[in-house]
Protein backbone atom coordinates (compact mmCIF):
# COMPACT_ATOMS: atom_id res chain seq x y z
CA MET A 1 58.20 66.99 25.47
CA ALA A 2 58.38 66.11 22.16
CA LYS A 3 61.81 67.95 21.23
CA GLU A 4 63.28 67.02 24.23
CA THR A 5 62.86 63.14 23.97
CA ALA A 6 63.84 63.77 20.18
CA LEU A 7 66.97 65.27 21.41
CA TRP A 8 67.39 63.15 24.03
CA TYR A 9 66.78 59.80 21.30
CA PHE A 10 69.73 61.63 18.77
CA GLU A 11 72.05 62.09 21.90
CA SER A 12 71.84 58.53 22.63
CA VAL A 13 72.72 57.44 19.28
CA ASN A 14 75.36 59.66 19.12
CA LEU A 15 77.16 58.08 22.18
CA TYR A 16 77.98 54.99 19.88
CA ASN A 17 80.50 57.18 18.14
CA VAL A 18 82.30 58.09 22.08
CA LEU A 19 82.09 54.67 23.56
CA CYS A 20 82.39 52.19 21.09
CA PRO A 21 86.24 50.91 21.85
CA HIS A 22 87.06 50.65 18.41
CA LYS A 23 86.60 54.28 18.02
CA VAL A 24 89.18 54.70 20.50
CA LYS A 25 92.36 54.52 19.63
CA THR A 26 94.20 53.23 23.11
CA MET A 27 91.20 50.82 23.30
CA ALA A 28 90.82 49.25 19.96
CA ALA A 29 93.56 46.71 19.99
CA ASP A 30 92.09 44.77 23.01
CA HIS A 31 88.37 44.54 21.20
CA SER A 32 86.65 42.52 18.83
CA PHE A 33 83.22 42.68 17.33
CA THR A 34 81.04 39.68 18.39
CA GLU A 35 78.43 38.61 15.64
CA PHE A 36 75.06 36.99 16.01
CA LYS A 37 72.69 35.20 13.67
CA LYS A 38 69.35 35.85 13.03
CA ASP A 39 67.25 34.58 16.07
CA GLU A 40 70.23 33.91 18.27
CA PHE A 41 70.04 35.54 21.71
CA ILE A 42 72.61 38.17 23.16
CA TYR A 43 71.53 37.59 26.47
CA PHE A 44 69.00 35.74 28.46
CA PRO A 45 66.79 36.83 31.62
CA ASN A 46 68.75 36.28 34.82
CA GLU A 47 72.09 36.60 33.14
CA ARG A 48 74.65 38.40 34.84
CA ALA A 49 74.61 41.70 33.86
CA THR A 50 78.38 42.76 33.05
CA HIS A 51 78.83 44.73 29.59
CA ILE A 52 76.86 47.40 27.83
CA TYR A 53 76.26 46.49 23.81
CA MET A 54 76.35 48.73 20.74
CA ILE A 55 74.81 47.64 17.62
CA VAL A 56 77.30 47.89 14.33
CA SER A 57 74.92 46.55 12.26
CA GLY A 58 71.37 44.74 12.12
CA ARG A 59 68.66 44.62 14.38
CA VAL A 60 68.50 43.62 17.92
CA LYS A 61 65.30 42.80 20.01
CA ILE A 62 64.65 43.66 23.58
CA GLY A 63 62.21 42.02 25.79
CA HIS A 64 60.76 40.02 28.53
CA TYR A 65 58.60 36.95 29.47
CA LEU A 66 55.09 37.42 31.60
CA ASP A 67 54.74 34.34 34.05
CA ASP A 68 52.89 32.29 31.79
CA GLY A 69 55.55 32.54 29.04
CA LYS A 70 54.12 34.97 26.80
CA GLU A 71 56.67 37.46 25.07
CA VAL A 72 56.44 40.81 25.72
CA VAL A 73 58.66 42.93 23.25
CA ASN A 74 60.11 46.42 24.84
CA ALA A 75 62.04 47.95 22.10
CA ILE A 76 63.82 47.01 18.94
CA LEU A 77 66.97 48.79 18.22
CA GLY A 78 69.06 49.10 15.08
CA SER A 79 72.76 50.41 14.18
CA GLY A 80 74.18 53.03 16.32
CA GLU A 81 71.92 52.33 19.27
CA ILE A 82 73.01 50.64 23.13
CA PHE A 83 71.58 48.41 25.23
CA GLY A 84 72.11 46.57 28.29
CA GLU A 85 72.78 49.64 30.17
CA LEU A 86 70.46 49.29 33.01
CA ALA A 87 73.95 47.36 34.32
CA LEU A 88 75.36 50.48 35.02
CA ALA A 89 72.38 51.38 37.32
CA GLY A 90 72.98 48.28 39.59
CA GLU A 91 70.96 45.96 37.64
CA GLU A 92 73.10 42.52 38.52
CA HIS A 93 71.42 40.34 36.80
CA ARG A 94 69.17 40.89 33.42
CA LYS A 95 65.44 41.33 33.57
CA ASP A 96 64.86 41.21 30.06
CA PHE A 97 66.40 39.08 26.85
CA ALA A 98 68.21 40.78 23.84
CA GLN A 99 67.80 38.73 20.58
CA ALA A 100 69.39 39.42 17.04
CA MET A 101 66.13 40.24 14.57
CA ASP A 102 68.82 39.41 11.62
CA ALA A 103 72.87 38.86 11.31
CA VAL A 104 74.04 41.59 13.83
CA SER A 105 77.27 42.68 14.73
CA ILE A 106 77.61 43.85 18.31
CA CYS A 107 80.30 45.99 20.29
CA PRO A 108 80.31 44.88 23.78
CA LEU A 109 81.76 47.35 26.42
CA SER A 110 82.21 46.12 30.37
CA ILE A 111 80.64 48.44 32.85
CA ASP A 112 83.98 48.71 34.70
CA GLU A 113 85.62 49.90 31.09
CA LEU A 114 82.62 52.53 31.13
CA LYS A 115 82.84 53.41 34.69
CA ASP A 116 86.50 54.59 34.26
CA MET A 117 85.48 56.55 31.01
CA MET A 118 82.76 58.13 32.75
CA LYS A 119 85.29 59.14 35.69
CA GLU A 120 87.15 60.89 32.94
CA ASP A 121 84.26 62.79 31.08
CA LYS A 122 81.72 64.69 33.10
CA GLU A 123 79.85 65.01 29.90
CA LEU A 124 79.80 61.57 28.96
CA SER A 125 78.30 60.66 32.72
CA PHE A 126 75.36 63.13 32.03
CA LYS A 127 74.69 61.70 28.42
CA ILE A 128 74.59 58.02 29.98
CA LEU A 129 72.35 59.22 32.67
CA LYS A 130 69.89 60.85 29.95
CA LEU A 131 69.93 57.56 27.98
CA VAL A 132 68.82 55.68 31.19
CA GLY A 133 66.20 58.39 31.91
CA LEU A 134 65.14 58.13 28.14
CA ARG A 135 64.79 54.36 28.23
CA LEU A 136 62.55 54.31 31.33
CA MET A 137 60.16 56.89 30.13
CA LYS A 138 59.68 54.85 27.07
CA LEU A 139 58.55 52.10 29.00
CA GLU A 140 56.23 53.92 31.27
CA ARG A 141 54.70 55.47 28.36
CA LYS A 142 54.34 52.00 26.86
CA LEU A 143 53.16 50.52 30.28
CA GLU A 144 50.63 53.12 30.25
CA LEU A 145 48.97 52.94 26.46
CA LEU A 146 48.93 48.88 27.36
CA VAL A 147 46.70 49.41 30.03
CA PHE A 148 44.70 52.48 29.46
CA LYS A 149 44.22 52.82 25.82
CA ASP A 150 42.51 50.70 22.61
CA ALA A 151 44.29 48.89 20.05
CA ARG A 152 43.87 51.63 17.41
CA THR A 153 44.86 54.33 20.10
CA ARG A 154 47.97 51.94 20.63
CA ILE A 155 48.93 52.06 17.32
CA VAL A 156 48.40 55.50 16.38
CA GLU A 157 50.09 57.16 19.79
CA PHE A 158 52.90 54.62 18.45
CA LEU A 159 53.46 56.66 15.07
CA LYS A 160 53.24 59.67 16.80
CA ASP A 161 56.00 58.77 19.51
CA SER A 162 58.03 57.32 16.71
CA ALA A 163 57.59 60.58 14.65
CA SER A 164 58.95 62.32 18.04
CA TRP A 165 61.71 60.27 18.99
CA LYS A 166 62.92 59.36 15.10
CA GLY A 167 60.95 61.70 12.79
CA LYS A 168 62.64 63.63 10.24
CA LYS A 169 60.70 67.10 8.92
CA VAL A 170 59.68 67.16 5.23
CA GLY A 171 58.38 70.25 4.67
CA PHE A 172 54.87 70.05 6.57
CA GLU A 173 55.09 66.04 6.52
CA THR A 174 57.10 63.90 9.07
CA MET A 175 58.97 60.99 7.77
CA ILE A 176 59.94 57.97 10.18
CA PRO A 177 62.74 56.02 8.95
CA THR A 178 61.85 52.47 9.74
CA LYS A 179 62.57 48.92 8.75
CA LEU A 180 59.57 47.35 11.00
CA ALA A 181 57.29 45.06 9.46
CA HIS A 182 53.61 45.14 10.67
CA LYS A 183 54.38 42.25 12.83
CA ASP A 184 56.91 44.08 14.63
CA ILE A 185 54.60 47.09 15.18
CA ALA A 186 52.26 44.68 16.57
CA SER A 187 54.60 43.20 19.02
CA LEU A 188 55.41 46.64 20.09
CA THR A 189 51.89 47.78 20.83
CA GLY A 190 50.33 44.86 22.19
CA THR A 191 48.21 44.10 19.36
CA SER A 192 47.93 41.70 16.37
CA ARG A 193 49.36 42.01 12.88
CA GLN A 194 45.95 41.78 11.55
CA THR A 195 44.85 45.06 13.32
CA VAL A 196 48.06 46.91 12.58
CA THR A 197 47.42 46.52 8.59
CA THR A 198 43.93 47.48 9.01
CA VAL A 199 44.68 50.47 11.43
CA LEU A 200 47.70 51.62 8.77
CA ASN A 201 45.31 51.11 5.48
CA GLU A 202 42.66 53.32 7.00
CA LEU A 203 44.93 55.85 8.14
CA LYS A 204 46.32 55.85 4.53
CA GLU A 205 42.79 55.72 3.12
CA GLN A 206 42.19 59.18 5.24
CA ASN A 207 45.45 60.68 3.63
CA LEU A 208 46.86 60.85 7.15
CA ILE A 209 50.14 58.69 6.23
CA ASN A 210 51.71 56.87 3.87
CA PHE A 211 53.93 54.18 4.17
CA ASP A 212 56.34 51.59 2.36
CA ARG A 213 58.65 48.89 3.99
CA ARG A 214 61.40 51.52 4.65
CA LYS A 215 59.53 54.30 5.87
CA ILE A 216 56.09 55.76 7.37
CA LEU A 217 55.35 59.53 6.15
CA ILE A 218 52.82 61.14 8.23
CA ARG A 219 50.89 64.01 6.78
CA ASP A 220 50.14 66.27 9.42
CA LEU A 221 50.74 65.51 13.05
CA ASP A 222 48.18 67.36 14.71
CA LEU A 223 45.40 65.58 12.25
CA LEU A 224 46.62 62.16 13.34
CA LYS A 225 44.19 61.19 16.05
């Protein structure tokens, strides 16, 4: 499963190079990038779902609100990644929100344009299907952890999943390039920033991981429990 999800992740990122209108000569002249400031919303829940979006630069937070108004973070995406793709699967109105975490440049693509591209390219259709499938798998995985696992286990499993999806092998170790702060990991795992800091420091003291502001290095995935 880990190898498969890692493959899906890299293929979904590569879709940016195929879908971005600015990389398609016949479409570039009719499209412009959209800029968002830090904390500005790209879309809100209940808005009409008419586009998918590609991140040119910056980071975007995808989340939703519970009935009591509490914010739940589903994903934090970076350059080259795609969001809003559920519009292609029949979502008429957004169930989640998308918010810029810093200055963000976005390339929007209408669903009608995407459908036209998919009609002409069966391989693209297959990759889009896998992208939607991957997002659903991640959401199911997160729900499973939130319901059945304690805080420490959720953080450890987040590290292992990140290693499977985005990790790069460095000898016997696995390096996860990330700009996530402890508060971001807390949001993604349904824990507190203090708990994340405590767990990561414990794992570091046990020489299971090392980390700084740009990366997390897992010494041995099999020993990370």
